[in-house]
Amino acid sequence: MTPETSENEIPQETGEVLEVDDELMQDIEELVRSKSDYLLLNIIQDLRPEDIGHIINRLTPEEGVYVFGMLPNTVASGALLELDEIHREIITTRLPQERLTEIVGEMDSDDAADVVGELTEERAESVLETMNVEESSQVEELLRYDENTAGGIMAKEMAVVQKNDTVKKAISVVRKLARDIKNIYNVFVVDENGILLGAIALQDLLLYTPNKRVQKIMDAGYKTVTTDVDQEEVARLFSKYDIVSLPVTDTAGKLLGRITVDDIVDVLEEEHEEDVARITGSVSGATTQHSPVHMAVLRLPWVLMTLFLQLIAGVVVHAFDQTLSQVILLASFMPIISAISGNTGLQSAALIVRGIATGQVDYRRWWQPLRRQMITTFIVGGACGIALGCIGWLWHGTPLFGVVVGSSMFISVNFSGIIGTVTPMISRSLGFDPAITAGPFETAFQDIIGITVFLSLATLMLQWL
């Protein structure tokens, strides 16, 4: 049996859920190496497409190609969406043109657009040319939108009725589309020109008589977005209004598509990865989606910036050589104060960046998050300062040394918390991405402050130490 097996090898409706653990992966890898197709299919048929995609990601590219070749198109379409960039690129390159077209044709229009958009121009054109005409035109339309906007994440599949249609007709439309469209939450009502007039929740269709006109029961104030709205703003609308489906229109109000809550979950995950990557001075998906050289190029500017700032910290330390030479124990506490204050500032920055992204923090009312963070860092700084002060007292044997160490910790933590809170909000007000300013630059800057405060206090009290 070759990897290109029949569509009937795996049931299209996957049943029980099988946990994908290390032991199962070892079994699968052994079966792939031994080409034990029958036993391998017995395992795969109990898994959902998402789990199969996860398995393929843990295999070598060659093994992944082999396993993917066994999947029927309906399963392969779901598994392909779960693959990392490397596996997806290799598999879509190796697949015969006809098979790739069939797999893409099984996907929702938004997912199909994502896959086609990653193909080479020549291969993408071939896929679009051999697809169903209606499906091809939908994908081509979606590819024209920026991938990070409402137009880029919307799907064309949806339940639509005319304003003069009855409840009975609306239910009939839902029944007809239910097999082909997953997650139908609403029926959208349009006029003869396709202008969106409102929406009806599925459960509401059950509350009215079959002959009731849909325009009489629709929600005319249902939220909408235009195609150019940023995907983060779309996510905020879903969160704010607790909606599960959002219609997308053009500037004239014509219905173009819909965004569902499962799309927003993907958006939130993607935005979170990007924010974390920027805060750490890295890039999202770096471990699996970029070559080591590309990773180095992306990270090097941040590392060099941090190096420069840490050199400034070195200059500060050098300026206090005399103080350190007289009380050498001070050097033992410098990395502790720098680390704790830096981490406190980075935590504050991460909270504010995420709050701005989700709409929970309004940078125009900057004093509210600042007040909360100041109270928090006051408590954290006080606790750390007392603890470190006691340690310094016991270590050096002088109470005043403990006061210097503890006070430095307290002041540094509070300064860092303020900087970590304010910097992202200032960045956002100036039109910059706040996640970028909350990275290694800020951490290094807080190191400089912590060292300066600590050694300055020690110098002022040097004669009593």
Protein backbone atom coordinates (compact mmCIF):
# COMPACT_ATOMS: atom_id res chain seq x y z
CA MET A 1 0.00 0.00 0.00
CA THR A 2 1.34 3.43 -0.89
CA PRO A 3 0.78 6.61 1.09
CA GLU A 4 -1.79 7.69 -1.52
CA THR A 5 -4.61 5.54 -0.14
CA SER A 6 -8.29 5.50 -0.86
CA GLU A 7 -10.76 8.02 0.54
CA ASN A 8 -12.44 5.17 2.37
CA GLU A 9 -9.43 4.13 4.42
CA ILE A 10 -10.37 6.43 7.33
CA PRO A 11 -13.90 7.16 8.50
CA GLN A 12 -14.80 10.77 7.80
CA GLU A 13 -16.52 11.12 11.16
CA THR A 14 -13.88 10.65 13.84
CA GLY A 15 -15.20 9.13 17.03
CA GLU A 16 -13.49 8.71 20.38
CA VAL A 17 -10.78 11.05 21.59
CA LEU A 18 -7.36 9.44 21.97
CA GLU A 19 -4.73 11.24 24.02
CA VAL A 20 -1.59 11.99 22.03
CA ASP A 21 1.21 11.33 24.51
CA ASP A 22 4.89 10.39 24.12
CA GLU A 23 4.12 6.66 24.19
CA LEU A 24 1.61 6.99 21.35
CA MET A 25 4.09 9.09 19.36
CA GLN A 26 6.75 6.39 19.73
CA ASP A 27 4.27 3.79 18.43
CA ILE A 28 3.36 5.98 15.47
CA GLU A 29 7.00 6.68 14.60
CA GLU A 30 7.79 2.94 14.67
CA LEU A 31 4.78 2.15 12.47
CA VAL A 32 5.77 4.86 9.98
CA ARG A 33 9.34 3.57 9.76
CA SER A 34 8.14 -0.01 9.29
CA LYS A 35 5.45 1.08 6.78
CA SER A 36 2.79 -0.75 8.83
CA ASP A 37 -0.03 1.10 7.14
CA TYR A 38 -2.91 -1.02 8.43
CA LEU A 39 -1.89 -0.61 12.10
CA LEU A 40 -1.18 3.08 11.56
CA LEU A 41 -4.63 3.63 10.09
CA ASN A 42 -6.21 1.89 13.10
CA ILE A 43 -4.66 4.58 15.31
CA ILE A 44 -5.34 7.55 13.05
CA GLN A 45 -9.00 6.71 12.51
CA ASP A 46 -9.69 7.33 16.21
CA LEU A 47 -8.23 10.83 16.11
CA ARG A 48 -9.68 14.18 15.15
CA PRO A 49 -8.01 16.16 12.32
CA GLU A 50 -6.60 18.63 14.85
CA ASP A 51 -4.84 15.82 16.73
CA ILE A 52 -3.52 14.33 13.51
CA GLY A 53 -2.04 17.71 12.63
CA HIS A 54 -0.35 17.83 16.03
CA ILE A 55 1.10 14.36 15.44
CA ILE A 56 2.47 15.31 12.04
CA ASN A 57 4.15 18.38 13.55
CA ARG A 58 6.08 16.07 15.88
CA LEU A 59 7.24 13.84 13.03
CA THR A 60 10.08 14.55 10.64
CA PRO A 61 8.96 16.30 7.42
CA GLU A 62 9.40 13.07 5.43
CA GLU A 63 7.38 11.06 7.95
CA GLY A 64 4.78 13.81 8.00
CA VAL A 65 4.38 13.64 4.22
CA TYR A 66 3.88 9.87 4.46
CA VAL A 67 1.18 10.08 7.16
CA PHE A 68 -0.60 12.99 5.47
CA GLY A 69 -0.80 10.99 2.26
CA MET A 70 -3.00 8.43 4.03
CA LEU A 71 -5.67 10.93 5.00
CA PRO A 72 -8.92 11.36 3.09
CA ASN A 73 -9.54 14.88 1.84
CA THR A 74 -12.10 15.75 4.51
CA VAL A 75 -9.65 14.87 7.29
CA ALA A 76 -6.61 16.22 5.46
CA SER A 77 -8.23 19.65 5.11
CA GLY A 78 -8.59 19.97 8.88
CA ALA A 79 -5.16 18.52 9.65
CA LEU A 80 -3.43 20.83 7.16
CA LEU A 81 -4.64 23.89 9.07
CA GLU A 82 -2.97 22.65 12.26
CA LEU A 83 0.47 22.13 10.72
CA ASP A 84 3.38 24.43 11.48
CA GLU A 85 4.85 26.48 8.67
CA ILE A 86 7.66 24.05 7.82
CA HIS A 87 5.49 20.92 7.59
CA ARG A 88 2.71 22.74 5.73
CA GLU A 89 5.10 24.15 3.15
CA ILE A 90 6.74 20.77 2.49
CA ILE A 91 3.43 18.89 2.30
CA THR A 92 1.69 21.40 0.02
CA THR A 93 4.76 21.38 -2.22
CA ARG A 94 4.83 17.57 -2.46
CA LEU A 95 1.09 17.05 -2.95
CA PRO A 96 -0.12 16.46 -6.52
CA GLN A 97 -1.88 19.51 -7.92
CA GLU A 98 -5.24 17.76 -8.20
CA ARG A 99 -5.14 16.45 -4.62
CA LEU A 100 -4.17 19.85 -3.21
CA THR A 101 -7.09 21.46 -5.02
CA GLU A 102 -9.50 18.86 -3.63
CA ILE A 103 -8.22 19.41 -0.08
CA VAL A 104 -8.49 23.20 -0.33
CA GLY A 105 -11.99 22.77 -1.75
CA GLU A 106 -13.04 21.01 1.49
CA MET A 107 -12.12 24.06 3.58
CA ASP A 108 -14.16 27.08 4.56
CA SER A 109 -13.36 30.06 2.36
CA ASP A 110 -11.33 31.88 5.04
CA ASP A 111 -9.16 28.82 5.72
CA ALA A 112 -8.77 28.14 2.00
CA ALA A 113 -7.60 31.73 1.49
CA ASP A 114 -5.00 31.33 4.24
CA VAL A 115 -3.59 28.17 2.65
CA VAL A 116 -3.63 29.50 -0.92
CA GLY A 117 -2.01 32.73 0.26
CA GLU A 118 0.99 30.75 1.53
CA LEU A 119 1.57 28.95 -1.79
CA THR A 120 3.94 30.14 -4.48
CA GLU A 121 2.28 32.43 -7.01
CA GLU A 122 2.38 29.80 -9.75
CA ARG A 123 0.96 27.02 -7.56
CA ALA A 124 -1.71 29.32 -6.12
CA GLU A 125 -2.88 30.24 -9.62
CA SER A 126 -3.06 26.57 -10.58
CA VAL A 127 -5.16 25.74 -7.52
CA LEU A 128 -7.55 28.64 -8.12
CA GLU A 129 -7.93 27.75 -11.79
CA THR A 130 -8.89 24.15 -11.03
CA MET A 131 -11.22 24.92 -8.11
CA ASN A 132 -14.97 25.26 -8.36
CA VAL A 133 -15.71 28.66 -9.97
CA GLU A 134 -17.76 29.96 -7.04
CA GLU A 135 -15.25 28.77 -4.44
CA SER A 136 -12.34 30.18 -6.44
CA SER A 137 -13.96 33.62 -6.71
CA GLN A 138 -14.60 33.66 -2.95
CA VAL A 139 -10.98 32.84 -2.17
CA GLU A 140 -9.69 35.43 -4.64
CA GLU A 141 -11.91 38.04 -3.00
CA LEU A 142 -10.60 37.22 0.49
CA LEU A 143 -6.98 37.33 -0.69
CA ARG A 144 -7.43 40.99 -1.64
CA TYR A 145 -7.89 41.99 2.01
CA ASP A 146 -5.12 42.55 4.55
CA GLU A 147 -4.76 39.33 6.54
CA ASN A 148 -4.92 41.22 9.85
CA THR A 149 -8.27 42.91 9.15
CA ALA A 150 -11.88 41.80 9.39
CA GLY A 151 -11.88 41.17 5.64
CA GLY A 152 -8.84 38.94 5.99
CA ILE A 153 -10.35 36.68 8.66
CA MET A 154 -13.99 36.56 7.53
CA ALA A 155 -15.63 33.61 5.80
CA LYS A 156 -18.03 33.87 2.89
CA GLU A 157 -20.20 30.94 4.02
CA MET A 158 -23.27 32.13 5.95
CA ALA A 159 -27.04 31.83 6.18
CA VAL A 160 -28.78 34.74 4.46
CA VAL A 161 -32.47 35.46 3.82
CA GLN A 162 -34.40 38.32 2.22
CA LYS A 163 -36.32 40.76 4.41
CA ASN A 164 -39.71 39.54 3.16
CA ASP A 165 -38.92 35.87 3.76
CA THR A 166 -40.77 33.97 6.47
CA VAL A 167 -39.48 32.12 9.51
CA LYS A 168 -40.29 28.90 7.69
CA LYS A 169 -38.04 29.92 4.79
CA ALA A 170 -35.23 30.91 7.19
CA ILE A 171 -35.37 27.51 8.90
CA SER A 172 -35.32 25.83 5.51
CA VAL A 173 -32.20 27.80 4.53
CA VAL A 174 -30.43 26.76 7.74
CA ARG A 175 -31.31 23.09 7.19
CA LYS A 176 -30.02 23.24 3.64
CA LEU A 177 -26.71 24.81 4.62
CA ALA A 178 -26.10 22.98 7.91
CA ARG A 179 -24.17 20.11 6.34
CA ASP A 180 -21.78 22.39 4.49
CA ILE A 181 -21.41 25.29 6.93
CA LYS A 182 -20.20 24.61 10.44
CA ASN A 183 -21.23 26.76 13.39
CA ILE A 184 -24.29 28.59 12.09
CA TYR A 185 -25.22 30.94 14.91
CA ASN A 186 -27.32 33.56 13.11
CA VAL A 187 -29.35 34.13 10.01
CA PHE A 188 -28.60 37.48 8.39
CA VAL A 189 -31.37 39.52 6.80
CA VAL A 190 -30.69 41.62 3.70
CA ASP A 191 -32.71 43.68 1.24
CA GLU A 192 -32.88 43.21 -2.51
CA ASN A 193 -29.52 44.99 -2.92
CA GLY A 194 -27.73 42.82 -0.39
CA ILE A 195 -27.64 45.55 2.28
CA LEU A 196 -27.56 44.07 5.77
CA LEU A 197 -30.68 44.95 7.74
CA GLY A 198 -30.29 42.78 10.82
CA ALA A 199 -29.74 39.31 12.23
CA ILE A 200 -31.76 36.57 13.89
CA ALA A 201 -30.33 34.11 16.41
CA LEU A 202 -31.15 30.48 15.61
CA GLN A 203 -33.02 29.94 18.87
CA ASP A 204 -35.25 32.92 18.09
CA LEU A 205 -36.48 31.21 14.92
CA LEU A 206 -38.07 28.55 17.12
CA LEU A 207 -40.11 31.10 19.06
CA TYR A 208 -42.22 32.45 16.21
CA THR A 209 -44.86 31.04 13.90
CA PRO A 210 -43.65 29.77 10.51
CA ASN A 211 -45.48 32.52 8.59
CA LYS A 212 -43.92 35.41 10.54
CA ARG A 213 -41.82 37.77 8.39
CA VAL A 214 -38.16 37.79 9.40
CA GLN A 215 -37.91 41.58 9.22
CA LYS A 216 -40.46 41.73 12.04
CA ILE A 217 -38.34 39.67 14.43
CA MET A 218 -34.76 40.49 13.41
CA ASP A 219 -32.34 42.45 15.57
CA ALA A 220 -31.87 45.61 13.50
CA GLY A 221 -29.18 46.90 15.87
CA TYR A 222 -26.90 43.86 15.53
CA LYS A 223 -23.21 44.83 15.61
CA THR A 224 -21.28 44.89 12.34
CA VAL A 225 -17.77 45.73 11.14
CA THR A 226 -16.36 46.83 7.82
CA THR A 227 -13.62 44.91 6.03
CA ASP A 228 -10.84 47.33 7.02
CA VAL A 229 -11.29 47.05 10.80
CA ASP A 230 -8.20 45.64 12.55
CA GLN A 231 -8.57 42.09 13.86
CA GLU A 232 -7.71 43.19 17.41
CA GLU A 233 -10.62 45.64 17.35
CA VAL A 234 -12.86 42.82 16.10
CA ALA A 235 -11.71 40.66 19.02
CA ARG A 236 -12.58 43.49 21.43
CA LEU A 237 -16.10 43.66 20.00
CA PHE A 238 -16.59 39.93 20.53
CA SER A 239 -15.41 40.26 24.13
CA LYS A 240 -17.36 43.43 24.92
CA TYR A 241 -20.72 42.31 23.53
CA ASP A 242 -20.39 38.53 24.17
CA ILE A 243 -21.20 37.69 20.57
CA VAL A 244 -20.36 34.49 18.71
CA SER A 245 -20.86 35.69 15.12
CA LEU A 246 -20.24 39.10 13.54
CA PRO A 247 -21.30 40.15 10.01
CA VAL A 248 -18.80 42.01 7.82
CA THR A 249 -19.97 44.66 5.36
CA ASP A 250 -18.48 47.15 2.94
CA THR A 251 -18.73 50.89 3.57
CA ALA A 252 -22.17 50.95 1.92
CA GLY A 253 -23.51 48.29 4.29
CA LYS A 254 -23.55 45.39 1.81
CA LEU A 255 -23.10 42.03 3.52
CA LEU A 256 -19.82 40.38 2.50
CA GLY A 257 -19.13 37.68 5.06
CA ARG A 258 -19.07 36.75 8.73
CA ILE A 259 -16.55 36.19 11.50
CA THR A 260 -17.19 33.50 14.11
CA VAL A 261 -15.87 33.11 17.63
CA ASP A 262 -13.50 30.28 16.65
CA ASP A 263 -11.76 32.71 14.29
CA ILE A 264 -11.37 35.15 17.18
CA VAL A 265 -9.79 32.49 19.39
CA ASP A 266 -7.12 32.11 16.69
CA VAL A 267 -6.70 35.88 16.55
CA LEU A 268 -6.26 36.18 20.32
CA GLU A 269 -3.69 33.38 20.32
CA GLU A 270 -1.80 34.98 17.43
CA GLU A 271 -1.84 38.46 18.99
CA HIS A 272 -0.75 37.07 22.37
CA GLU A 273 2.19 35.24 20.77
CA GLU A 274 3.21 38.41 18.94
CA ASP A 275 2.98 40.53 22.10
CA VAL A 276 5.03 38.05 24.14
CA ALA A 277 7.59 37.81 21.34
CA ARG A 278 7.97 41.59 21.16
CA ILE A 279 8.21 41.94 24.94
CA THR A 280 11.02 39.38 25.00
CA GLY A 281 12.70 40.86 21.92
CA SER A 282 12.05 37.77 19.84
CA VAL A 283 9.59 36.73 17.15
CA SER A 284 6.47 34.58 17.39
CA GLY A 285 6.84 31.03 16.11
CA ALA A 286 10.61 31.44 16.10
CA THR A 287 11.45 27.92 17.22
CA THR A 288 9.60 26.18 14.41
CA GLN A 289 8.91 28.64 11.61
CA HIS A 290 12.28 30.30 10.96
CA SER A 291 15.78 29.12 10.19
CA PRO A 292 18.50 29.64 12.84
CA VAL A 293 20.09 32.35 10.67
CA HIS A 294 16.78 34.17 10.25
CA MET A 295 16.16 33.92 14.00
CA ALA A 296 19.60 35.40 14.69
CA VAL A 297 18.96 38.31 12.32
CA LEU A 298 15.61 39.05 13.96
CA ARG A 299 16.95 38.91 17.51
CA LEU A 300 20.35 40.54 17.02
CA PRO A 301 19.13 44.20 17.02
CA TRP A 302 17.47 43.68 20.40
CA VAL A 303 20.53 41.98 21.82
CA LEU A 304 22.82 44.77 20.58
CA MET A 305 20.49 47.41 22.04
CA THR A 306 20.53 45.64 25.38
CA LEU A 307 24.32 45.34 25.18
CA PHE A 308 24.66 49.09 24.69
CA LEU A 309 22.38 49.88 27.64
CA GLN A 310 24.15 47.40 29.88
CA LEU A 311 27.42 49.14 28.99
CA ILE A 312 25.87 52.28 30.43
CA ALA A 313 25.13 50.30 33.58
CA GLY A 314 28.80 49.29 33.57
CA VAL A 315 29.79 52.97 33.41
CA VAL A 316 27.55 53.66 36.42
CA VAL A 317 29.20 50.86 38.40
CA HIS A 318 32.65 52.19 37.44
CA ALA A 319 31.69 55.64 38.77
CA PHE A 320 31.20 54.07 42.20
CA ASP A 321 34.48 52.11 42.23
CA GLN A 322 35.61 53.81 45.43
CA THR A 323 32.40 52.89 47.24
CA LEU A 324 32.60 49.28 46.11
CA SER A 325 36.27 49.00 47.04
CA GLN A 326 35.52 50.05 50.60
CA VAL A 327 32.42 47.85 51.05
CA ILE A 328 32.93 44.96 48.66
CA LEU A 329 29.81 43.16 49.96
CA LEU A 330 27.71 45.73 48.09
CA ALA A 331 28.57 43.96 44.84
CA SER A 332 26.81 40.80 46.04
CA PHE A 333 23.48 42.60 46.25
CA MET A 334 23.63 44.47 42.92
CA PRO A 335 22.40 41.59 40.72
CA ILE A 336 19.60 40.82 43.20
CA ILE A 337 18.24 44.37 43.14
CA SER A 338 18.60 44.61 39.37
CA ALA A 339 16.85 41.30 38.76
CA ILE A 340 13.91 41.90 41.12
CA SER A 341 13.29 45.48 39.97
CA GLY A 342 13.66 44.49 36.31
CA ASN A 343 11.20 41.61 36.66
CA THR A 344 8.70 43.83 38.48
CA GLY A 345 8.87 46.41 35.71
CA LEU A 346 8.50 43.76 33.03
CA GLN A 347 5.47 42.28 34.78
CA SER A 348 3.85 45.70 34.96
CA ALA A 349 4.61 46.33 31.29
CA ALA A 350 3.20 42.96 30.24
CA LEU A 351 -0.06 43.61 32.11
CA ILE A 352 -0.46 47.06 30.57
CA VAL A 353 0.40 45.89 27.04
CA ARG A 354 -2.14 43.09 27.27
CA GLY A 355 -4.70 45.43 28.82
CA ILE A 356 -4.31 47.91 25.97
CA ALA A 357 -4.61 45.11 23.40
CA THR A 358 -7.84 43.77 24.95
CA GLY A 359 -9.34 47.20 25.65
CA GLN A 360 -9.26 46.74 29.44
CA VAL A 361 -6.75 49.59 29.81
CA ASP A 362 -7.52 53.02 28.36
CA TYR A 363 -4.22 54.86 27.96
CA ARG A 364 -6.12 58.16 27.86
CA ARG A 365 -7.08 57.55 31.50
CA TRP A 366 -3.49 56.71 32.39
CA TRP A 367 -3.81 57.59 36.07
CA GLN A 368 -6.13 54.64 36.78
CA PRO A 369 -3.75 51.78 35.85
CA LEU A 370 -0.83 53.79 37.21
CA ARG A 371 -2.48 54.13 40.63
CA ARG A 372 -3.25 50.41 40.77
CA GLN A 373 0.26 49.44 39.73
CA MET A 374 1.82 51.86 42.24
CA ILE A 375 -0.16 50.28 45.07
CA THR A 376 0.88 46.82 43.89
CA THR A 377 4.58 47.68 43.51
CA PHE A 378 4.52 49.47 46.89
CA ILE A 379 3.45 46.21 48.54
CA VAL A 380 5.87 44.09 46.48
CA GLY A 381 8.74 46.53 46.99
CA GLY A 382 8.07 46.75 50.72
CA ALA A 383 8.05 42.99 51.18
CA CYS A 384 11.21 42.48 49.10
CA GLY A 385 12.92 45.43 50.73
CA ILE A 386 12.29 44.13 54.27
CA ALA A 387 13.41 40.62 53.33
CA LEU A 388 16.61 41.78 51.62
CA GLY A 389 17.31 44.33 54.34
CA CYS A 390 17.22 41.64 57.01
CA ILE A 391 19.53 39.45 54.94
CA GLY A 392 21.94 42.37 54.46
CA TRP A 393 21.91 43.14 58.19
CA LEU A 394 22.69 39.54 59.13
CA TRP A 395 25.32 39.18 56.41
CA HIS A 396 27.20 42.42 57.07
CA GLY A 397 26.45 42.61 60.79
CA THR A 398 25.47 46.29 60.58
CA PRO A 399 21.81 47.44 60.76
CA LEU A 400 22.56 50.46 58.56
CA PHE A 401 23.80 48.17 55.78
CA GLY A 402 20.46 46.40 55.88
CA VAL A 403 18.69 49.77 55.66
CA VAL A 404 20.73 50.72 52.57
CA VAL A 405 20.05 47.40 50.84
CA GLY A 406 16.37 47.29 51.79
CA SER A 407 15.71 50.92 50.86
CA SER A 408 17.42 50.47 47.51
CA MET A 409 15.28 47.44 46.77
CA PHE A 410 12.10 49.29 47.73
CA ILE A 411 12.90 52.39 45.64
CA SER A 412 14.10 50.41 42.63
CA VAL A 413 11.03 48.16 42.53
CA ASN A 414 8.69 51.14 42.69
CA PHE A 415 10.58 53.09 40.02
CA SER A 416 10.58 50.06 37.77
CA GLY A 417 6.86 49.50 38.29
CA ILE A 418 6.12 53.11 37.33
CA ILE A 419 8.31 52.92 34.23
CA GLY A 420 6.84 49.58 33.20
CA THR A 421 3.33 50.99 33.54
CA VAL A 422 3.84 54.39 31.92
CA THR A 423 6.10 53.49 29.00
CA PRO A 424 3.58 51.33 27.06
CA MET A 425 0.86 53.97 27.51
CA ILE A 426 3.15 56.76 26.28
CA SER A 427 4.16 54.60 23.34
CA ARG A 428 0.51 53.91 22.47
CA SER A 429 -0.42 57.60 22.69
CA LEU A 430 2.40 58.42 20.25
CA GLY A 431 1.12 55.82 17.78
CA PHE A 432 3.78 53.15 18.39
CA ASP A 433 3.27 49.49 19.26
CA PRO A 434 3.49 49.37 23.09
CA ALA A 435 4.70 45.75 23.01
CA ILE A 436 7.95 46.81 21.32
CA THR A 437 8.90 49.33 24.03
CA ALA A 438 8.29 46.77 26.79
CA GLY A 439 11.14 44.51 25.75
CA PRO A 440 14.80 44.19 26.65
CA PHE A 441 15.25 47.97 26.29
CA GLU A 442 13.03 48.63 29.27
CA THR A 443 14.56 45.83 31.35
CA ALA A 444 18.05 47.17 30.77
CA PHE A 445 16.94 50.71 31.58
CA GLN A 446 15.53 49.49 34.89
CA ASP A 447 18.86 47.80 35.65
CA ILE A 448 20.56 51.17 35.32
CA ILE A 449 18.07 52.79 37.70
CA GLY A 450 18.39 50.01 40.28
CA ILE A 451 22.18 50.11 40.32
CA THR A 452 22.27 53.91 40.45
CA VAL A 453 19.84 54.12 43.37
CA PHE A 454 21.61 51.38 45.30
CA LEU A 455 25.15 52.71 44.94
CA SER A 456 24.08 56.33 45.47
CA LEU A 457 22.50 55.47 48.81
CA ALA A 458 25.52 53.41 49.78
CA THR A 459 27.84 56.31 48.92
CA LEU A 460 25.80 58.77 51.00
CA MET A 461 26.01 56.48 54.03
CA LEU A 462 29.50 55.17 53.36
CA GLN A 463 31.05 56.69 56.47
CA TRP A 464 28.65 54.76 58.70
CA LEU A 465 28.98 51.39 56.97
